[in-house]
């Protein structure tokens, strides 16, 4: 929780800057859209589940598709359009170009609720290609080869989306669930790469003597194991994938221990990153256990989607939004509340059914309520921040 001396700055009691800045930089519209989708997705899915409203992607399939290719892709887009500009000192889409990108994303979400999934797929594909071009131009112009792989990952995520729709239409030799699993593997790799870059650095910068460490050999092994997991899922080999996941759980657990998460317990902007990365370890361990039929596979999936993706995206959105709008990097009551709500949502969906199988349905309902509350709070709190100019008057 923020110290008392900092609460005035966290609450932004000074006069709000004037003007409309939603399309001044990539994080602004896409964090706001992601927050809104996170808030309404569970109620919409529940309405579909009980038979209200037409949908091309019925029930659980709509839910899985939109959380991955809607919510998560929006956060990745906002992050990359902002980070690539910082990495390269080259422009990324802003203004009208950024507004068109946001409209393409929004059109894909609306069309996913229509009887024409092929139009949603087409719109999402145009969006994916536009995002890839938007980050490729500055990366190539600056010769930033270290980050070229993000272009490939964006395109791979778009390809997984197309594979999902093809499977849904019955024109692919695999299930929609397999396409979702591949997309989640890609996101897992993105999170593993970025967490390794920033979590130890943020920890050491903010906490004197934290001693967060990265061992180059362990870093390589952890990432290679995720790539092997992707390859196994592509090949449709569940047994090797389960074995790889078990080894990966150990590697990523060791990685997290070296980052010294205990040192961050009093800093919400840091502990949310560590706690959410811990859900990656849980996900990998549960994938291994599911391969032995010890637990249901959906528990591993939701450890990744709610605990890791939900927590890490909230942590990065709040931190980067505050930093890029010239606000102090201090979590107030709203941010801390969001972090606790999403962590409790993951525990209710994953850990509660393991501990007490009889309350599985209760855990699902409770998790959905907690998740929605987290994103309602985020969207309400960050709407003014994301739509107004920076406090220091700088562009962006």
Protein backbone atom coordinates (compact mmCIF):
# COMPACT_ATOMS: atom_id res chain seq x y z
CA UNK A 1 0.00 0.00 0.00
CA UNK A 2 1.23 3.50 -0.73
CA UNK A 3 2.73 5.40 2.22
CA UNK A 4 0.57 8.17 3.62
CA UNK A 5 2.90 10.83 2.26
CA UNK A 6 2.43 9.51 -1.24
CA UNK A 7 -1.34 9.16 -1.27
CA UNK A 8 -2.00 12.68 -2.48
CA UNK A 9 0.22 12.16 -5.53
CA UNK A 10 -1.30 8.72 -6.15
CA UNK A 11 -4.78 10.19 -6.05
CA UNK A 12 -3.81 12.92 -8.53
CA UNK A 13 -5.39 15.81 -6.60
CA UNK A 14 -3.69 18.44 -8.73
CA UNK A 15 -5.71 20.02 -11.57
CA UNK A 16 -6.24 17.55 -14.38
CA UNK A 17 -4.48 18.37 -17.66
CA UNK A 18 -6.79 19.50 -20.43
CA UNK A 19 -7.22 17.96 -23.84
CA UNK A 20 -7.94 14.55 -25.34
CA UNK A 21 -4.91 12.27 -25.65
CA UNK A 22 -6.40 8.80 -26.21
CA UNK A 23 -4.53 8.33 -29.49
CA UNK A 24 -1.26 10.00 -28.46
CA UNK A 25 0.54 6.66 -27.93
CA UNK A 26 -0.29 2.98 -28.38
CA UNK A 27 -0.78 2.01 -24.75
CA UNK A 28 -3.64 4.48 -24.27
CA UNK A 29 -6.47 3.08 -26.43
CA UNK A 30 -5.44 -0.57 -26.14
CA UNK A 31 -5.10 -0.63 -22.36
CA UNK A 32 -8.47 1.06 -22.08
CA UNK A 33 -10.12 -1.33 -24.56
CA UNK A 34 -8.53 -4.32 -22.85
CA UNK A 35 -9.76 -3.14 -19.47
CA UNK A 36 -13.29 -2.67 -20.78
CA UNK A 37 -13.33 -6.10 -22.43
CA UNK A 38 -11.95 -7.67 -19.27
CA UNK A 39 -14.77 -6.06 -17.31
CA UNK A 40 -17.66 -7.09 -19.59
CA UNK A 41 -16.40 -10.42 -20.94
CA UNK A 42 -17.57 -12.58 -18.06
CA UNK A 43 -21.13 -11.13 -17.98
CA UNK A 44 -21.37 -11.48 -21.80
CA UNK A 45 -20.08 -15.05 -21.65
CA UNK A 46 -22.55 -15.86 -18.86
CA UNK A 47 -25.39 -14.41 -20.97
CA UNK A 48 -24.34 -16.55 -23.93
CA UNK A 49 -23.98 -19.59 -21.72
CA UNK A 50 -27.63 -19.38 -20.62
CA UNK A 51 -28.85 -18.74 -24.16
CA UNK A 52 -29.17 -14.99 -24.56
CA UNK A 53 -27.90 -13.26 -27.69
CA UNK A 54 -26.59 -14.67 -31.00
CA UNK A 55 -22.94 -15.62 -31.23
CA UNK A 56 -20.76 -17.13 -33.89
CA UNK A 57 -18.40 -18.41 -31.21
CA UNK A 58 -20.76 -20.16 -28.86
CA UNK A 59 -20.28 -20.18 -25.09
CA UNK A 60 -16.85 -21.41 -23.96
CA UNK A 61 -15.35 -20.99 -27.43
CA UNK A 62 -16.26 -17.29 -27.54
CA UNK A 63 -14.89 -16.89 -24.02
CA UNK A 64 -11.57 -18.57 -24.89
CA UNK A 65 -11.24 -16.73 -28.21
CA UNK A 66 -11.93 -13.27 -26.84
CA UNK A 67 -9.75 -13.59 -23.77
CA UNK A 68 -6.80 -14.65 -25.94
CA UNK A 69 -7.22 -12.92 -29.29
CA UNK A 70 -9.22 -10.00 -27.89
CA UNK A 71 -8.06 -9.03 -24.41
CA UNK A 72 -4.51 -10.41 -24.40
CA UNK A 73 -3.73 -9.29 -27.95
CA UNK A 74 -4.91 -5.78 -27.08
CA UNK A 75 -2.51 -5.55 -24.13
CA UNK A 76 0.38 -6.95 -26.20
CA UNK A 77 -0.38 -4.42 -28.94
CA UNK A 78 -0.50 -1.47 -26.56
CA UNK A 79 2.72 -2.56 -24.90
CA UNK A 80 4.65 -3.16 -28.14
CA UNK A 81 3.53 0.04 -29.88
CA UNK A 82 4.78 1.94 -26.83
CA UNK A 83 7.91 -0.08 -26.04
CA UNK A 84 9.17 -0.23 -29.64
CA UNK A 85 9.12 3.55 -29.82
CA UNK A 86 11.25 3.67 -26.67
CA UNK A 87 13.61 0.95 -27.87
CA UNK A 88 14.19 2.49 -31.30
CA UNK A 89 13.47 6.22 -30.88
CA UNK A 90 11.42 5.80 -34.05
CA UNK A 91 7.68 6.59 -34.42
CA UNK A 92 4.96 3.99 -34.04
CA UNK A 93 1.31 4.58 -35.10
CA UNK A 94 -0.34 7.52 -33.34
CA UNK A 95 -3.28 9.78 -34.11
CA UNK A 96 -5.50 8.66 -36.99
CA UNK A 97 -3.41 5.54 -37.70
CA UNK A 98 -3.68 4.45 -34.09
CA UNK A 99 -7.42 5.19 -34.08
CA UNK A 100 -7.87 2.98 -37.17
CA UNK A 101 -6.00 0.16 -35.43
CA UNK A 102 -8.26 0.49 -32.40
CA UNK A 103 -11.36 0.46 -34.63
CA UNK A 104 -10.12 -2.70 -36.37
CA UNK A 105 -9.69 -4.43 -33.02
CA UNK A 106 -13.11 -3.26 -31.86
CA UNK A 107 -14.74 -4.40 -35.12
CA UNK A 108 -13.28 -7.87 -34.58
CA UNK A 109 -14.86 -8.04 -31.13
CA UNK A 110 -18.28 -6.96 -32.41
CA UNK A 111 -18.17 -9.38 -35.36
CA UNK A 112 -17.24 -12.23 -33.01
CA UNK A 113 -20.73 -11.79 -31.54
CA UNK A 114 -22.33 -11.98 -34.99
CA UNK A 115 -23.28 -14.99 -37.15
CA UNK A 116 -20.28 -14.28 -39.44
CA UNK A 117 -17.08 -15.51 -37.79
CA UNK A 118 -15.25 -15.34 -41.12
CA UNK A 119 -15.63 -11.54 -41.09
CA UNK A 120 -14.27 -11.41 -37.57
CA UNK A 121 -11.30 -13.50 -38.73
CA UNK A 122 -10.72 -11.21 -41.69
CA UNK A 123 -10.84 -8.09 -39.54
CA UNK A 124 -8.54 -9.61 -36.94
CA UNK A 125 -6.09 -10.62 -39.68
CA UNK A 126 -5.93 -7.08 -41.06
CA UNK A 127 -5.41 -5.88 -37.49
CA UNK A 128 -2.59 -8.38 -36.91
CA UNK A 129 -0.79 -7.42 -40.11
CA UNK A 130 -1.16 -3.73 -39.28
CA UNK A 131 0.32 -4.21 -35.82
CA UNK A 132 3.20 -6.25 -37.26
CA UNK A 133 3.95 -3.50 -39.78
CA UNK A 134 3.58 -0.84 -37.08
CA UNK A 135 6.39 -2.38 -35.02
CA UNK A 136 8.47 -3.73 -37.94
CA UNK A 137 9.09 -0.33 -39.53
CA UNK A 138 10.81 1.27 -36.50
CA UNK A 139 12.65 -1.95 -35.58
CA UNK A 140 14.09 -2.33 -39.10
CA UNK A 141 14.79 1.40 -39.51
CA UNK A 142 16.81 1.42 -36.29
CA UNK A 143 18.49 -1.93 -36.91
CA UNK A 144 17.11 -3.25 -33.61
CA UNK A 145 17.61 -6.92 -34.49
CA UNK A 146 17.38 -8.00 -30.86
CA UNK A 147 13.63 -7.45 -30.96
CA UNK A 148 12.80 -8.65 -34.48
CA UNK A 149 11.32 -11.81 -33.00
CA UNK A 150 8.36 -9.79 -31.68
CA UNK A 151 7.25 -9.30 -35.30
CA UNK A 152 7.20 -13.08 -35.74
CA UNK A 153 5.34 -13.59 -32.46
CA UNK A 154 2.61 -11.11 -33.43
CA UNK A 155 2.18 -12.88 -36.79
CA UNK A 156 2.17 -16.28 -35.06
CA UNK A 157 -0.59 -15.14 -32.73
CA UNK A 158 -2.59 -13.95 -35.74
CA UNK A 159 -2.02 -17.32 -37.45
CA UNK A 160 -3.31 -19.12 -34.35
CA UNK A 161 -6.44 -16.98 -34.56
CA UNK A 162 -6.98 -18.00 -38.20
CA UNK A 163 -6.38 -21.63 -37.25
CA UNK A 164 -9.03 -21.32 -34.54
CA UNK A 165 -11.67 -20.03 -36.95
CA UNK A 166 -10.73 -22.66 -39.56
CA UNK A 167 -11.17 -25.39 -36.95
CA UNK A 168 -14.47 -23.88 -35.85
CA UNK A 169 -15.68 -24.04 -39.46
CA UNK A 170 -14.59 -27.68 -39.76
CA UNK A 171 -11.99 -27.06 -42.46
CA UNK A 172 -8.91 -27.86 -40.34
CA UNK A 173 -7.62 -31.24 -39.11
CA UNK A 174 -7.51 -30.06 -35.49
CA UNK A 175 -9.89 -28.68 -32.88
CA UNK A 176 -10.47 -25.02 -31.95
CA UNK A 177 -9.11 -25.90 -28.52
CA UNK A 178 -5.78 -26.92 -30.08
CA UNK A 179 -5.50 -23.51 -31.76
CA UNK A 180 -6.25 -21.78 -28.45
CA UNK A 181 -3.60 -23.92 -26.71
CA UNK A 182 -1.04 -22.90 -29.34
CA UNK A 183 -1.96 -19.24 -28.95
CA UNK A 184 -1.57 -19.53 -25.18
CA UNK A 185 1.86 -21.11 -25.66
CA UNK A 186 2.90 -18.12 -27.76
CA UNK A 187 1.68 -15.71 -25.08
CA UNK A 188 3.50 -17.78 -22.46
CA UNK A 189 6.74 -17.32 -24.40
CA UNK A 190 6.17 -13.56 -24.72
CA UNK A 191 5.56 -13.28 -20.97
CA UNK A 192 8.60 -15.41 -20.14
CA UNK A 193 10.85 -13.24 -22.32
CA UNK A 194 9.57 -9.92 -21.04
CA UNK A 195 9.45 -10.97 -17.39
CA UNK A 196 13.09 -12.03 -17.59
CA UNK A 197 14.02 -8.64 -18.99
CA UNK A 198 12.10 -6.39 -16.63
CA UNK A 199 11.14 -8.12 -13.36
CA UNK A 200 14.68 -8.46 -11.92
CA UNK A 201 15.56 -4.98 -13.18
CA UNK A 202 12.44 -3.37 -11.67
CA UNK A 203 13.08 -5.22 -8.41
CA UNK A 204 16.70 -4.11 -8.07
CA UNK A 205 15.92 -0.53 -9.13
CA UNK A 206 13.15 -0.12 -6.56
CA UNK A 207 14.49 -2.09 -3.58
CA UNK A 208 17.98 -1.46 -2.33
CA UNK A 209 19.82 -4.71 -1.74
CA UNK A 210 17.13 -6.90 -3.31
CA UNK A 211 19.79 -8.87 -5.17
CA UNK A 212 17.50 -10.17 -7.91
CA UNK A 213 19.68 -12.24 -10.23
CA UNK A 214 19.57 -13.72 -13.71
CA UNK A 215 21.68 -16.76 -14.57
CA UNK A 216 22.26 -16.73 -18.35
CA UNK A 217 22.26 -20.54 -18.64
CA UNK A 218 19.01 -20.86 -16.66
CA UNK A 219 17.41 -18.05 -18.67
CA UNK A 220 18.20 -19.87 -21.92
CA UNK A 221 16.99 -23.23 -20.62
CA UNK A 222 13.71 -21.76 -19.36
CA UNK A 223 12.93 -20.13 -22.71
CA UNK A 224 14.03 -23.14 -24.78
CA UNK A 225 11.70 -25.36 -22.75
CA UNK A 226 8.76 -23.10 -23.63
CA UNK A 227 9.74 -23.31 -27.31
CA UNK A 228 9.86 -27.11 -27.01
CA UNK A 229 6.40 -27.00 -25.46
CA UNK A 230 5.16 -25.03 -28.48
CA UNK A 231 6.75 -27.57 -30.83
CA UNK A 232 5.14 -30.49 -28.97
CA UNK A 233 1.73 -28.86 -29.12
CA UNK A 234 2.18 -28.13 -32.83
CA UNK A 235 3.04 -31.79 -33.39
CA UNK A 236 0.03 -32.90 -31.35
CA UNK A 237 2.15 -34.89 -28.89
CA UNK A 238 0.55 -34.56 -25.40
CA UNK A 239 2.87 -37.00 -23.62
CA UNK A 240 6.13 -35.18 -24.49
CA UNK A 241 4.39 -31.85 -23.80
CA UNK A 242 3.50 -32.99 -20.27
CA UNK A 243 7.08 -34.12 -19.60
CA UNK A 244 8.49 -30.86 -20.95
CA UNK A 245 6.03 -28.88 -18.81
CA UNK A 246 7.22 -30.68 -15.69
CA UNK A 247 10.86 -29.83 -16.35
CA UNK A 248 9.89 -26.28 -17.32
CA UNK A 249 8.05 -25.83 -14.01
CA UNK A 250 11.31 -26.53 -12.17
CA UNK A 251 13.33 -24.18 -14.40
CA UNK A 252 10.86 -21.31 -14.15
CA UNK A 253 10.46 -21.86 -10.41
CA UNK A 254 14.24 -21.58 -9.98
CA UNK A 255 14.21 -18.47 -12.16
CA UNK A 256 11.59 -16.84 -9.93
CA UNK A 257 13.45 -17.72 -6.70
CA UNK A 258 16.56 -15.96 -8.02
CA UNK A 259 14.47 -12.82 -8.57
CA UNK A 260 13.86 -12.69 -4.78
CA UNK A 261 10.07 -12.19 -4.73
CA UNK A 262 9.96 -11.98 -0.91
CA UNK A 263 11.78 -8.64 -1.06
CA UNK A 264 8.86 -7.12 -3.00
CA UNK A 265 6.09 -7.92 -0.50
CA UNK A 266 5.58 -4.27 0.53
CA UNK A 267 5.57 -2.88 -3.02
CA UNK A 268 2.35 -3.76 -4.91
CA UNK A 269 3.70 -2.68 -8.33
CA UNK A 270 6.43 -5.28 -7.86
CA UNK A 271 4.78 -8.12 -5.96
CA UNK A 272 2.02 -8.38 -8.57
CA UNK A 273 4.67 -9.20 -11.20
CA UNK A 274 6.32 -11.83 -9.02
CA UNK A 275 3.02 -13.35 -7.83
CA UNK A 276 1.71 -13.51 -11.39
CA UNK A 277 4.90 -15.13 -12.66
CA UNK A 278 4.46 -17.75 -9.92
CA UNK A 279 1.22 -18.74 -11.68
CA UNK A 280 3.33 -19.66 -14.72
CA UNK A 281 5.12 -22.18 -12.52
CA UNK A 282 1.74 -23.45 -11.28
CA UNK A 283 0.47 -23.68 -14.86
CA UNK A 284 3.44 -25.73 -15.98
CA UNK A 285 3.23 -28.04 -12.95
CA UNK A 286 -0.50 -28.56 -13.51
CA UNK A 287 0.10 -29.28 -17.22
CA UNK A 288 2.47 -32.04 -16.17
CA UNK A 289 -0.05 -33.33 -13.62
CA UNK A 290 -2.86 -33.24 -16.20
CA UNK A 291 -0.72 -35.40 -18.49
CA UNK A 292 -0.77 -38.03 -15.74
CA UNK A 293 -4.55 -37.59 -15.27
CA UNK A 294 -4.04 -36.24 -11.77
CA UNK A 295 -5.96 -32.99 -12.40
CA UNK A 296 -8.31 -31.60 -15.02
CA UNK A 297 -6.52 -29.79 -17.88
CA UNK A 298 -8.70 -26.70 -17.51
CA UNK A 299 -7.08 -25.97 -14.15
CA UNK A 300 -3.69 -25.60 -15.84
CA UNK A 301 -5.26 -23.38 -18.51
CA UNK A 302 -6.83 -21.03 -15.98
CA UNK A 303 -3.68 -20.83 -13.89
CA UNK A 304 -2.11 -19.34 -17.02
CA UNK A 305 -5.00 -17.20 -18.20
CA UNK A 306 -6.27 -15.75 -14.93
CA UNK A 307 -3.24 -15.90 -12.65
CA UNK A 308 -0.36 -15.26 -15.06
CA UNK A 309 -1.90 -13.37 -17.99
CA UNK A 310 -4.46 -11.49 -15.90
CA UNK A 311 -1.97 -10.57 -13.19
CA UNK A 312 1.02 -9.71 -15.39
CA UNK A 313 -1.04 -7.63 -17.80
CA UNK A 314 -2.65 -5.67 -14.97
CA UNK A 315 0.74 -5.15 -13.37
CA UNK A 316 2.35 -3.97 -16.60
CA UNK A 317 -0.62 -1.83 -17.67
CA UNK A 318 -0.75 0.04 -14.37
CA UNK A 319 3.02 0.50 -14.19
CA UNK A 320 3.54 1.60 -17.79
CA UNK A 321 0.42 3.79 -17.86
CA UNK A 322 1.59 5.66 -14.77
CA UNK A 323 5.12 5.99 -16.10
CA UNK A 324 4.13 7.13 -19.59
CA UNK A 325 1.68 9.72 -18.25
CA UNK A 326 4.35 11.20 -15.91
CA UNK A 327 2.69 9.95 -12.73
CA UNK A 328 4.60 8.49 -9.77
CA UNK A 329 5.28 4.76 -9.87
CA UNK A 330 3.32 4.14 -6.70
CA UNK A 331 0.28 1.89 -6.36
CA UNK A 332 -2.71 3.42 -4.66
CA UNK A 333 -5.77 1.71 -3.21
CA UNK A 334 -7.32 1.13 -6.64
CA UNK A 335 -4.26 -0.57 -8.13
CA UNK A 336 -3.68 -2.71 -5.06
CA UNK A 337 -7.34 -3.69 -5.07
CA UNK A 338 -7.12 -4.77 -8.72
CA UNK A 339 -4.06 -6.87 -7.98
CA UNK A 340 -5.65 -8.68 -5.04
CA UNK A 341 -8.91 -9.26 -6.91
CA UNK A 342 -7.24 -10.92 -9.89
CA UNK A 343 -5.03 -13.08 -7.66
CA UNK A 344 -8.06 -14.18 -5.66
CA UNK A 345 -9.88 -14.89 -8.94
CA UNK A 346 -7.08 -17.24 -9.96
CA UNK A 347 -7.09 -18.96 -6.57
CA UNK A 348 -10.87 -19.43 -6.68
CA UNK A 349 -10.75 -20.91 -10.21
CA UNK A 350 -7.66 -23.11 -9.76
CA UNK A 351 -6.79 -23.82 -6.15
CA UNK A 352 -10.25 -23.98 -4.59
CA UNK A 353 -11.47 -26.82 -6.87
CA UNK A 354 -8.27 -28.76 -6.15
CA UNK A 355 -8.71 -28.36 -2.39
CA UNK A 356 -12.49 -28.91 -2.37
CA UNK A 357 -13.70 -30.54 -5.63
CA UNK A 358 -17.34 -30.32 -4.53
CA UNK A 359 -17.29 -26.51 -4.82
CA UNK A 360 -16.04 -26.43 -8.42
CA UNK A 361 -19.05 -24.47 -9.73
CA UNK A 362 -18.89 -22.07 -6.80
CA UNK A 363 -15.23 -21.47 -7.56
CA UNK A 364 -15.97 -20.72 -11.21
CA UNK A 365 -18.71 -18.22 -10.34
CA UNK A 366 -16.65 -16.57 -7.61
CA UNK A 367 -13.65 -16.31 -9.92
CA UNK A 368 -15.72 -14.63 -12.61
CA UNK A 369 -17.09 -12.06 -10.18
CA UNK A 370 -13.63 -11.26 -8.81
CA UNK A 371 -12.12 -10.98 -12.30
CA UNK A 372 -14.86 -8.62 -13.51
CA UNK A 373 -14.54 -6.50 -10.36
CA UNK A 374 -10.79 -6.15 -10.93
CA UNK A 375 -11.25 -4.84 -14.47
CA UNK A 376 -14.22 -2.61 -13.66
CA UNK A 377 -11.99 -0.99 -11.04
CA UNK A 378 -9.04 -0.69 -13.43
CA UNK A 379 -11.14 0.81 -16.25
CA UNK A 380 -12.88 3.29 -13.95
CA UNK A 381 -9.61 4.39 -12.34
CA UNK A 382 -7.53 4.59 -15.53
CA UNK A 383 -10.06 6.11 -17.94
CA UNK A 384 -9.06 9.71 -17.02
CA UNK A 385 -5.35 8.87 -17.03
CA UNK A 386 -5.44 7.22 -20.46
CA UNK A 387 -7.53 9.89 -22.16
CA UNK A 388 -5.80 13.02 -20.81
CA UNK A 389 -2.37 14.45 -21.74
CA UNK A 390 0.74 13.67 -19.73
CA UNK A 391 1.08 15.65 -16.51
CA UNK A 392 4.44 17.06 -17.63
CA UNK A 393 3.09 18.35 -20.95
CA UNK A 394 5.37 16.08 -23.02
CA UNK A 395 3.98 14.20 -26.04
CA UNK A 396 2.91 10.59 -25.66
